[in-house]
């Protein structure tokens, strides 16, 4: 060989490291946990606060509890947004 070094300088930022940092920020599990108020504020055209309160109150009957969409911590209810939205999109009109 010719004896020249072909390594990149040590102070050059690694693109794969910064990409991994961005991905891990986007996948933070706490970003998926919301309150009734924040979910209603994000989707006011879909949900009212009383509707969401009723869905959470009846979570044992409507299936939200079974799919794991609701967290109860110190008597406060939180919604796992991604699971809740999947549950919501799977609902069908019944014969009432």
C-alpha atoms as a PDB file:
ATOM      1  CA  UNK A   1       0.000   0.000   0.000  1.00  0.00           C
ATOM      2  CA  UNK A   2       1.033   3.630  -0.291  1.00  0.00           C
ATOM      3  CA  UNK A   3       1.020   4.415   3.474  1.00  0.00           C
ATOM      4  CA  UNK A   4      -1.738   7.096   3.319  1.00  0.00           C
ATOM      5  CA  UNK A   5      -4.421   7.042   5.982  1.00  0.00           C
ATOM      6  CA  UNK A   6      -7.958   6.731   4.623  1.00  0.00           C
ATOM      7  CA  UNK A   7      -9.881   7.128   7.899  1.00  0.00           C
ATOM      8  CA  UNK A   8     -12.314  10.009   8.343  1.00  0.00           C
ATOM      9  CA  UNK A   9     -11.278  12.691  10.840  1.00  0.00           C
ATOM     10  CA  UNK A  10     -12.476  12.078  14.417  1.00  0.00           C
ATOM     11  CA  UNK A  11     -14.313  15.418  14.724  1.00  0.00           C
ATOM     12  CA  UNK A  12     -16.659  14.795  11.755  1.00  0.00           C
ATOM     13  CA  UNK A  13     -20.233  14.168  12.946  1.00  0.00           C
ATOM     14  CA  UNK A  14     -21.526  10.694  12.158  1.00  0.00           C
ATOM     15  CA  UNK A  15     -24.767  10.901  10.159  1.00  0.00           C
ATOM     16  CA  UNK A  16     -25.989   7.523  11.415  1.00  0.00           C
ATOM     17  CA  UNK A  17     -25.662   8.683  15.046  1.00  0.00           C
ATOM     18  CA  UNK A  18     -27.743  11.806  14.475  1.00  0.00           C
ATOM     19  CA  UNK A  19     -30.337   9.775  12.541  1.00  0.00           C
ATOM     20  CA  UNK A  20     -30.590   7.294  15.417  1.00  0.00           C
ATOM     21  CA  UNK A  21     -31.053  10.158  17.869  1.00  0.00           C
ATOM     22  CA  UNK A  22     -33.904  11.568  15.768  1.00  0.00           C
ATOM     23  CA  UNK A  23     -35.601   8.181  15.481  1.00  0.00           C
ATOM     24  CA  UNK A  24     -35.389   7.481  19.212  1.00  0.00           C
ATOM     25  CA  UNK A  25     -36.917  10.918  19.918  1.00  0.00           C
ATOM     26  CA  UNK A  26     -39.833  10.169  17.593  1.00  0.00           C
ATOM     27  CA  UNK A  27     -40.403   6.763  19.200  1.00  0.00           C
ATOM     28  CA  UNK A  28     -40.554   8.027  22.803  1.00  0.00           C
ATOM     29  CA  UNK A  29     -43.418   6.027  24.355  1.00  0.00           C
ATOM     30  CA  UNK A  30     -44.489   8.967  26.524  1.00  0.00           C
ATOM     31  CA  UNK A  31     -45.312  10.966  23.389  1.00  0.00           C
ATOM     32  CA  UNK A  32     -48.134   8.449  22.803  1.00  0.00           C
ATOM     33  CA  UNK A  33     -49.763   9.035  26.219  1.00  0.00           C
ATOM     34  CA  UNK A  34     -52.323  11.853  26.341  1.00  0.00           C
ATOM     35  CA  UNK A  35     -55.107  13.176  28.552  1.00  0.00           C
ATOM     36  CA  UNK A  36     -58.768  13.537  27.610  1.00  0.00           C
ATOM     37  CA  UNK A  37     -58.279  17.294  27.244  1.00  0.00           C
ATOM     38  CA  UNK A  38     -55.270  17.039  24.948  1.00  0.00           C
ATOM     39  CA  UNK A  39     -56.890  14.379  22.728  1.00  0.00           C
ATOM     40  CA  UNK A  40     -60.046  16.453  22.430  1.00  0.00           C
ATOM     41  CA  UNK A  41     -58.003  19.593  21.655  1.00  0.00           C
ATOM     42  CA  UNK A  42     -56.092  17.723  18.940  1.00  0.00           C
ATOM     43  CA  UNK A  43     -59.266  16.322  17.317  1.00  0.00           C
ATOM     44  CA  UNK A  44     -62.125  18.751  18.161  1.00  0.00           C
ATOM     45  CA  UNK A  45     -63.940  17.790  14.953  1.00  0.00           C
ATOM     46  CA  UNK A  46     -64.152  14.145  16.111  1.00  0.00           C
ATOM     47  CA  UNK A  47     -64.549  14.170  19.897  1.00  0.00           C
ATOM     48  CA  UNK A  48     -66.170  16.233  22.590  1.00  0.00           C
ATOM     49  CA  UNK A  49     -64.889  16.078  26.139  1.00  0.00           C
ATOM     50  CA  UNK A  50     -68.130  14.410  27.365  1.00  0.00           C
ATOM     51  CA  UNK A  51     -67.826  11.758  24.622  1.00  0.00           C
ATOM     52  CA  UNK A  52     -64.273  10.913  25.623  1.00  0.00           C
ATOM     53  CA  UNK A  53     -65.199  10.897  29.312  1.00  0.00           C
ATOM     54  CA  UNK A  54     -68.025   8.458  28.596  1.00  0.00           C
ATOM     55  CA  UNK A  55     -65.762   6.195  26.528  1.00  0.00           C
ATOM     56  CA  UNK A  56     -63.247   6.075  29.371  1.00  0.00           C
ATOM     57  CA  UNK A  57     -65.940   5.537  31.993  1.00  0.00           C
ATOM     58  CA  UNK A  58     -67.354   2.579  30.029  1.00  0.00           C
ATOM     59  CA  UNK A  59     -63.908   1.220  29.015  1.00  0.00           C
ATOM     60  CA  UNK A  60     -64.643  -2.201  30.554  1.00  0.00           C
ATOM     61  CA  UNK A  61     -67.729  -2.649  28.352  1.00  0.00           C
ATOM     62  CA  UNK A  62     -66.591  -1.028  25.105  1.00  0.00           C
ATOM     63  CA  UNK A  63     -63.261  -2.845  24.776  1.00  0.00           C
ATOM     64  CA  UNK A  64     -60.844   0.020  25.442  1.00  0.00           C
ATOM     65  CA  UNK A  65     -59.685  -1.746  28.606  1.00  0.00           C
ATOM     66  CA  UNK A  66     -59.081  -5.052  26.815  1.00  0.00           C
ATOM     67  CA  UNK A  67     -56.966  -3.500  24.041  1.00  0.00           C
ATOM     68  CA  UNK A  68     -54.804  -1.634  26.565  1.00  0.00           C
ATOM     69  CA  UNK A  69     -55.721   1.887  25.426  1.00  0.00           C
ATOM     70  CA  UNK A  70     -56.248   3.260  28.938  1.00  0.00           C
ATOM     71  CA  UNK A  71     -53.784   3.779  31.791  1.00  0.00           C
ATOM     72  CA  UNK A  72     -55.040   4.453  35.300  1.00  0.00           C
ATOM     73  CA  UNK A  73     -52.430   6.036  37.546  1.00  0.00           C
ATOM     74  CA  UNK A  74     -53.353   7.521  40.931  1.00  0.00           C
ATOM     75  CA  UNK A  75     -57.042   7.755  40.019  1.00  0.00           C
ATOM     76  CA  UNK A  76     -56.226   9.665  36.834  1.00  0.00           C
ATOM     77  CA  UNK A  77     -56.929   8.195  33.409  1.00  0.00           C
ATOM     78  CA  UNK A  78     -54.577   8.524  30.457  1.00  0.00           C
ATOM     79  CA  UNK A  79     -55.052   7.431  26.860  1.00  0.00           C
ATOM     80  CA  UNK A  80     -52.501   5.605  24.715  1.00  0.00           C
ATOM     81  CA  UNK A  81     -53.305   7.568  21.587  1.00  0.00           C
ATOM     82  CA  UNK A  82     -52.138   5.068  18.947  1.00  0.00           C
ATOM     83  CA  UNK A  83     -54.095   2.187  20.516  1.00  0.00           C
ATOM     84  CA  UNK A  84     -57.173   4.374  21.053  1.00  0.00           C
ATOM     85  CA  UNK A  85     -57.150   5.547  17.426  1.00  0.00           C
ATOM     86  CA  UNK A  86     -56.815   1.955  16.164  1.00  0.00           C
ATOM     87  CA  UNK A  87     -59.747   0.934  18.395  1.00  0.00           C
ATOM     88  CA  UNK A  88     -61.782   3.924  17.179  1.00  0.00           C
ATOM     89  CA  UNK A  89     -61.179   3.100  13.501  1.00  0.00           C
ATOM     90  CA  UNK A  90     -62.273  -0.521  14.044  1.00  0.00           C
ATOM     91  CA  UNK A  91     -65.695   0.439  15.430  1.00  0.00           C
ATOM     92  CA  UNK A  92     -68.740  -0.287  13.303  1.00  0.00           C
ATOM     93  CA  UNK A  93     -72.311   0.955  13.531  1.00  0.00           C
ATOM     94  CA  UNK A  94     -74.601  -1.454  15.339  1.00  0.00           C
ATOM     95  CA  UNK A  95     -78.324  -2.121  15.159  1.00  0.00           C
ATOM     96  CA  UNK A  96     -79.556   0.156  17.951  1.00  0.00           C
END
